């Protein structure tokens, strides 16, 4: 029997400067300020001009998690996309909790930009 998989996506936009957003997203030591679960992330960075993506993988014995943060410049604004994928049997009872903890991830991130 295959393990359950659950995923979700949050999309927001901002007028913050691209370089500032990039710098804050790449500051792995400060992830805990805006994302409650990514305290020990070792990100993979994919850059493509005015677009970049950070991929954090958390292989676990019971649950595998993959988080993707994408920033893309479109018409003078930045499109912020957060995609998360969980795989494993504990996903079923925990998916609601993870959704609640991640719901305002971009709002918390923007608040960190202003601090």
N, C-alpha and C. Protein backbone atom coordinates (compact mmCIF):
# COMPACT_ATOMS: atom_id res chain seq x y z
N UNK A 1 0.84 -1.18 0.00
CA UNK A 1 0.00 0.00 0.00
C UNK A 1 0.89 1.25 0.00
N UNK A 2 0.55 2.19 -0.85
CA UNK A 2 1.33 3.42 -0.94
C UNK A 2 1.06 4.31 0.27
N UNK A 3 2.10 5.10 0.60
CA UNK A 3 1.96 6.05 1.70
C UNK A 3 1.14 7.26 1.24
N UNK A 4 0.33 7.84 2.14
CA UNK A 4 -0.46 9.01 1.76
C UNK A 4 0.42 10.22 1.45
N UNK A 5 -0.01 11.03 0.51
CA UNK A 5 0.70 12.26 0.13
C UNK A 5 -0.29 13.41 0.26
N UNK A 6 0.19 14.52 0.82
CA UNK A 6 -0.64 15.71 0.97
C UNK A 6 0.19 16.91 0.56
N UNK A 7 -0.40 17.85 -0.15
CA UNK A 7 0.34 19.04 -0.55
C UNK A 7 -0.59 20.23 -0.56
N UNK A 8 0.01 21.41 -0.45
CA UNK A 8 -0.75 22.64 -0.57
C UNK A 8 0.15 23.73 -1.12
N UNK A 9 -0.49 24.84 -1.50
CA UNK A 9 0.23 25.95 -2.11
C UNK A 9 -0.36 27.27 -1.61
N UNK A 10 0.51 28.21 -1.28
CA UNK A 10 0.11 29.56 -0.89
C UNK A 10 0.78 30.55 -1.83
N UNK A 11 0.01 31.48 -2.39
CA UNK A 11 0.55 32.46 -3.33
C UNK A 11 0.18 33.86 -2.84
N UNK A 12 1.16 34.74 -2.80
CA UNK A 12 0.94 36.14 -2.43
C UNK A 12 1.80 36.99 -3.35
N UNK A 13 1.58 38.30 -3.33
CA UNK A 13 2.46 39.20 -4.07
C UNK A 13 2.83 40.36 -3.17
N UNK A 14 3.92 41.02 -3.52
CA UNK A 14 4.43 42.13 -2.72
C UNK A 14 5.15 43.11 -3.63
N UNK A 15 5.32 44.32 -3.14
CA UNK A 15 6.10 45.31 -3.89
C UNK A 15 7.48 45.50 -3.24
N UNK A 16 7.88 44.59 -2.37
CA UNK A 16 9.20 44.66 -1.73
C UNK A 16 10.31 44.50 -2.78
N UNK A 17 11.47 45.09 -2.54
CA UNK A 17 12.59 44.96 -3.49
C UNK A 17 13.07 43.50 -3.61
N UNK A 18 13.35 43.10 -4.84
CA UNK A 18 13.77 41.72 -5.11
C UNK A 18 15.00 41.33 -4.29
N UNK A 19 16.00 42.20 -4.23
CA UNK A 19 17.24 41.88 -3.52
C UNK A 19 17.01 41.67 -2.03
N UNK A 20 16.12 42.47 -1.43
CA UNK A 20 15.82 42.31 -0.01
C UNK A 20 15.10 41.00 0.26
N UNK A 21 14.14 40.65 -0.58
CA UNK A 21 13.42 39.38 -0.43
C UNK A 21 14.38 38.22 -0.59
N UNK A 22 15.24 38.29 -1.59
CA UNK A 22 16.22 37.22 -1.82
C UNK A 22 17.14 37.05 -0.62
N UNK A 23 17.64 38.17 -0.10
CA UNK A 23 18.55 38.12 1.05
C UNK A 23 17.88 37.49 2.27
N UNK A 24 16.64 37.88 2.56
CA UNK A 24 15.93 37.34 3.73
C UNK A 24 15.60 35.87 3.56
N UNK A 25 15.23 35.47 2.33
CA UNK A 25 14.93 34.06 2.11
C UNK A 25 16.17 33.18 2.22
N UNK A 26 17.31 33.72 1.84
CA UNK A 26 18.54 32.94 1.90
C UNK A 26 19.15 32.92 3.29
N UNK A 27 18.63 33.69 4.22
CA UNK A 27 19.12 33.72 5.59
C UNK A 27 18.52 32.54 6.35
N UNK A 28 19.11 31.38 6.19
CA UNK A 28 18.61 30.15 6.82
C UNK A 28 18.55 30.21 8.33
N UNK A 29 19.37 31.03 8.95
CA UNK A 29 19.36 31.13 10.40
C UNK A 29 18.10 31.84 10.90
N UNK A 30 17.42 32.58 10.04
CA UNK A 30 16.25 33.33 10.47
C UNK A 30 14.93 32.70 10.02
N UNK A 31 14.97 31.48 9.47
CA UNK A 31 13.73 30.84 9.02
C UNK A 31 12.72 30.74 10.15
N UNK A 32 13.17 30.46 11.36
CA UNK A 32 12.26 30.25 12.47
C UNK A 32 11.41 31.49 12.76
N UNK A 33 11.85 32.67 12.33
CA UNK A 33 11.08 33.89 12.59
C UNK A 33 9.78 33.92 11.80
N UNK A 34 9.77 33.29 10.64
CA UNK A 34 8.57 33.37 9.81
C UNK A 34 8.00 32.01 9.43
N UNK A 35 8.77 30.94 9.57
CA UNK A 35 8.21 29.61 9.32
C UNK A 35 8.51 28.71 10.51
N UNK A 36 7.50 28.29 11.22
CA UNK A 36 7.70 27.57 12.48
C UNK A 36 8.38 26.21 12.36
N UNK A 37 8.33 25.57 11.22
CA UNK A 37 8.89 24.22 11.13
C UNK A 37 10.30 24.17 10.56
N UNK A 38 10.72 25.17 9.83
CA UNK A 38 11.98 25.09 9.11
C UNK A 38 13.14 25.67 9.91
N UNK A 39 13.41 25.07 11.04
CA UNK A 39 14.48 25.56 11.90
C UNK A 39 15.84 25.02 11.49
N UNK A 40 15.89 23.84 10.93
CA UNK A 40 17.18 23.22 10.60
C UNK A 40 17.27 22.94 9.10
N UNK A 41 16.83 23.88 8.30
CA UNK A 41 16.79 23.67 6.85
C UNK A 41 18.17 23.83 6.23
N UNK A 42 18.47 22.96 5.27
CA UNK A 42 19.65 23.11 4.42
C UNK A 42 19.11 23.27 3.01
N UNK A 43 18.93 24.51 2.57
CA UNK A 43 18.23 24.73 1.30
C UNK A 43 19.08 24.48 0.07
N UNK A 44 18.40 24.08 -0.99
CA UNK A 44 18.97 24.00 -2.34
C UNK A 44 18.44 25.24 -3.06
N UNK A 45 19.33 26.00 -3.68
CA UNK A 45 18.95 27.26 -4.31
C UNK A 45 19.02 27.11 -5.83
N UNK A 46 17.93 27.47 -6.49
CA UNK A 46 17.85 27.41 -7.94
C UNK A 46 17.58 28.84 -8.42
N UNK A 47 18.54 29.42 -9.17
CA UNK A 47 18.40 30.80 -9.63
C UNK A 47 18.28 30.84 -11.14
N UNK A 48 17.42 31.76 -11.59
CA UNK A 48 17.20 31.92 -13.02
C UNK A 48 16.84 33.39 -13.29
N UNK A 49 17.83 34.26 -13.27
CA UNK A 49 17.62 35.68 -13.54
C UNK A 49 16.75 36.35 -12.49
N UNK A 50 15.58 36.84 -12.89
CA UNK A 50 14.66 37.53 -11.99
C UNK A 50 13.72 36.57 -11.28
N UNK A 51 14.13 35.34 -11.16
CA UNK A 51 13.32 34.33 -10.49
C UNK A 51 14.28 33.41 -9.73
N UNK A 52 13.92 33.06 -8.52
CA UNK A 52 14.72 32.06 -7.83
C UNK A 52 13.82 31.22 -6.94
N UNK A 53 14.33 30.05 -6.62
CA UNK A 53 13.56 29.08 -5.85
C UNK A 53 14.46 28.46 -4.80
N UNK A 54 13.90 28.25 -3.63
CA UNK A 54 14.61 27.57 -2.55
C UNK A 54 13.84 26.29 -2.27
N UNK A 55 14.56 25.17 -2.27
CA UNK A 55 13.95 23.88 -2.01
C UNK A 55 14.56 23.32 -0.73
N UNK A 56 13.70 23.02 0.23
CA UNK A 56 14.13 22.43 1.50
C UNK A 56 13.52 21.03 1.59
N UNK A 57 14.36 20.05 1.77
CA UNK A 57 13.88 18.67 1.90
C UNK A 57 14.19 18.18 3.31
N UNK A 58 13.19 17.53 3.90
CA UNK A 58 13.33 17.00 5.25
C UNK A 58 12.97 15.52 5.21
N UNK A 59 13.94 14.66 4.86
CA UNK A 59 13.63 13.24 4.84
C UNK A 59 13.58 12.71 6.27
N UNK A 60 12.48 12.12 6.61
CA UNK A 60 12.32 11.56 7.94
C UNK A 60 11.93 10.10 7.85
N UNK A 61 12.00 9.43 8.96
CA UNK A 61 11.65 8.01 8.99
C UNK A 61 10.16 7.81 8.75
N UNK A 62 9.35 8.68 9.34
CA UNK A 62 7.90 8.54 9.23
C UNK A 62 7.28 9.48 8.20
N UNK A 63 7.83 10.68 8.07
CA UNK A 63 7.27 11.68 7.16
C UNK A 63 8.39 12.32 6.35
N UNK A 64 8.17 12.41 5.05
CA UNK A 64 9.08 13.13 4.16
C UNK A 64 8.40 14.45 3.83
N UNK A 65 9.14 15.55 3.93
CA UNK A 65 8.60 16.87 3.61
C UNK A 65 9.50 17.56 2.59
N UNK A 66 8.86 18.21 1.64
CA UNK A 66 9.59 19.03 0.67
C UNK A 66 8.88 20.38 0.58
N UNK A 67 9.60 21.44 0.87
CA UNK A 67 9.04 22.80 0.81
C UNK A 67 9.76 23.57 -0.29
N UNK A 68 8.99 24.32 -1.07
CA UNK A 68 9.54 25.13 -2.16
C UNK A 68 9.05 26.56 -2.01
N UNK A 69 10.01 27.48 -1.98
CA UNK A 69 9.72 28.91 -1.92
C UNK A 69 10.18 29.50 -3.24
N UNK A 70 9.28 30.11 -3.99
CA UNK A 70 9.63 30.66 -5.30
C UNK A 70 9.30 32.15 -5.31
N UNK A 71 10.23 32.94 -5.81
CA UNK A 71 10.05 34.38 -5.94
C UNK A 71 10.26 34.72 -7.41
N UNK A 72 9.29 35.40 -7.98
CA UNK A 72 9.34 35.72 -9.40
C UNK A 72 8.89 37.16 -9.62
N UNK A 73 9.68 37.93 -10.34
CA UNK A 73 9.33 39.32 -10.64
C UNK A 73 8.37 39.35 -11.83
N UNK A 74 7.19 39.95 -11.61
CA UNK A 74 6.18 40.06 -12.66
C UNK A 74 5.57 41.46 -12.61
N UNK A 75 5.73 42.22 -13.67
CA UNK A 75 5.13 43.56 -13.80
C UNK A 75 5.43 44.46 -12.61
N UNK A 76 6.66 44.51 -12.17
CA UNK A 76 7.05 45.41 -11.09
C UNK A 76 6.70 44.93 -9.69
N UNK A 77 6.11 43.76 -9.56
CA UNK A 77 5.79 43.18 -8.26
C UNK A 77 6.45 41.81 -8.17
N UNK A 78 6.53 41.30 -6.97
CA UNK A 78 7.09 39.97 -6.77
C UNK A 78 5.97 38.99 -6.43
N UNK A 79 5.95 37.89 -7.13
CA UNK A 79 5.00 36.82 -6.86
C UNK A 79 5.70 35.83 -5.94
N UNK A 80 5.14 35.62 -4.75
CA UNK A 80 5.71 34.71 -3.76
C UNK A 80 4.87 33.44 -3.74
N UNK A 81 5.49 32.31 -4.01
CA UNK A 81 4.77 31.04 -4.04
C UNK A 81 5.43 30.07 -3.07
N UNK A 82 4.61 29.47 -2.23
CA UNK A 82 5.08 28.46 -1.27
C UNK A 82 4.32 27.18 -1.54
N UNK A 83 5.05 26.13 -1.86
CA UNK A 83 4.45 24.81 -2.10
C UNK A 83 5.05 23.83 -1.09
N UNK A 84 4.21 23.01 -0.54
CA UNK A 84 4.70 22.03 0.42
C UNK A 84 4.10 20.68 0.11
N UNK A 85 4.89 19.65 0.29
CA UNK A 85 4.47 18.28 0.01
C UNK A 85 4.91 17.39 1.16
N UNK A 86 3.99 16.63 1.69
CA UNK A 86 4.26 15.69 2.78
C UNK A 86 3.91 14.29 2.31
N UNK A 87 4.71 13.33 2.75
CA UNK A 87 4.44 11.95 2.38
C UNK A 87 4.71 11.07 3.60
N UNK A 88 3.77 10.21 3.94
CA UNK A 88 3.94 9.29 5.06
C UNK A 88 2.63 9.06 5.79
N UNK A 89 2.57 8.00 6.58
CA UNK A 89 1.33 7.67 7.29
C UNK A 89 0.94 8.71 8.35
N UNK A 90 1.85 9.33 9.08
CA UNK A 90 1.43 10.35 10.05
C UNK A 90 0.82 11.60 9.40
N UNK A 91 0.88 11.70 8.07
CA UNK A 91 0.32 12.86 7.38
C UNK A 91 -1.18 12.98 7.66
N UNK A 92 -1.88 11.88 7.70
CA UNK A 92 -3.33 11.92 7.88
C UNK A 92 -3.76 12.68 9.13
N UNK A 93 -3.24 12.36 10.32
CA UNK A 93 -3.67 13.13 11.49
C UNK A 93 -3.00 14.51 11.61
N UNK A 94 -1.86 14.73 10.95
CA UNK A 94 -1.11 15.97 11.13
C UNK A 94 -1.37 17.05 10.07
N UNK A 95 -2.03 16.71 8.96
CA UNK A 95 -2.14 17.69 7.88
C UNK A 95 -2.90 18.94 8.28
N UNK A 96 -3.89 18.85 9.09
CA UNK A 96 -4.61 20.03 9.55
C UNK A 96 -3.72 20.95 10.37
N UNK A 97 -2.92 20.36 11.26
CA UNK A 97 -2.00 21.13 12.10
C UNK A 97 -0.97 21.86 11.23
N UNK A 98 -0.40 21.15 10.26
CA UNK A 98 0.59 21.77 9.37
C UNK A 98 -0.03 22.91 8.58
N UNK A 99 -1.26 22.73 8.14
CA UNK A 99 -1.95 23.78 7.37
C UNK A 99 -2.14 25.03 8.23
N UNK A 100 -2.55 24.84 9.47
CA UNK A 100 -2.75 25.98 10.38
C UNK A 100 -1.43 26.70 10.62
N UNK A 101 -0.35 25.97 10.86
CA UNK A 101 0.95 26.57 11.14
C UNK A 101 1.54 27.30 9.92
N UNK A 102 1.14 26.90 8.72
CA UNK A 102 1.72 27.48 7.51
C UNK A 102 0.83 28.51 6.84
N UNK A 103 -0.37 28.70 7.32
CA UNK A 103 -1.36 29.53 6.64
C UNK A 103 -0.87 30.96 6.37
N UNK A 104 -0.22 31.58 7.31
CA UNK A 104 0.19 32.97 7.15
C UNK A 104 1.71 33.10 6.98
N UNK A 105 2.34 32.13 6.34
CA UNK A 105 3.79 32.13 6.21
C UNK A 105 4.29 33.36 5.46
N UNK A 106 3.64 33.76 4.37
CA UNK A 106 4.11 34.92 3.62
C UNK A 106 3.86 36.21 4.37
N UNK A 107 2.77 36.30 5.11
CA UNK A 107 2.51 37.51 5.90
C UNK A 107 3.57 37.68 6.98
N UNK A 108 3.96 36.58 7.63
CA UNK A 108 5.03 36.64 8.64
C UNK A 108 6.36 36.99 7.99
N UNK A 109 6.60 36.49 6.80
CA UNK A 109 7.83 36.80 6.09
C UNK A 109 7.90 38.29 5.76
N UNK A 110 6.82 38.86 5.25
CA UNK A 110 6.79 40.29 4.91
C UNK A 110 6.98 41.12 6.17
N UNK A 111 6.42 40.70 7.29
CA UNK A 111 6.63 41.41 8.56
C UNK A 111 8.11 41.41 8.94
N UNK A 112 8.82 40.32 8.67
CA UNK A 112 10.27 40.25 8.95
C UNK A 112 11.05 41.19 8.04
N UNK A 113 10.56 41.41 6.83
CA UNK A 113 11.22 42.34 5.91
C UNK A 113 11.19 43.76 6.46
N UNK A 114 10.11 44.10 7.10
CA UNK A 114 9.92 45.46 7.61
C UNK A 114 10.60 45.68 8.94
N UNK A 115 11.00 44.63 9.61
CA UNK A 115 11.63 44.77 10.94
C UNK A 115 13.09 45.17 10.84
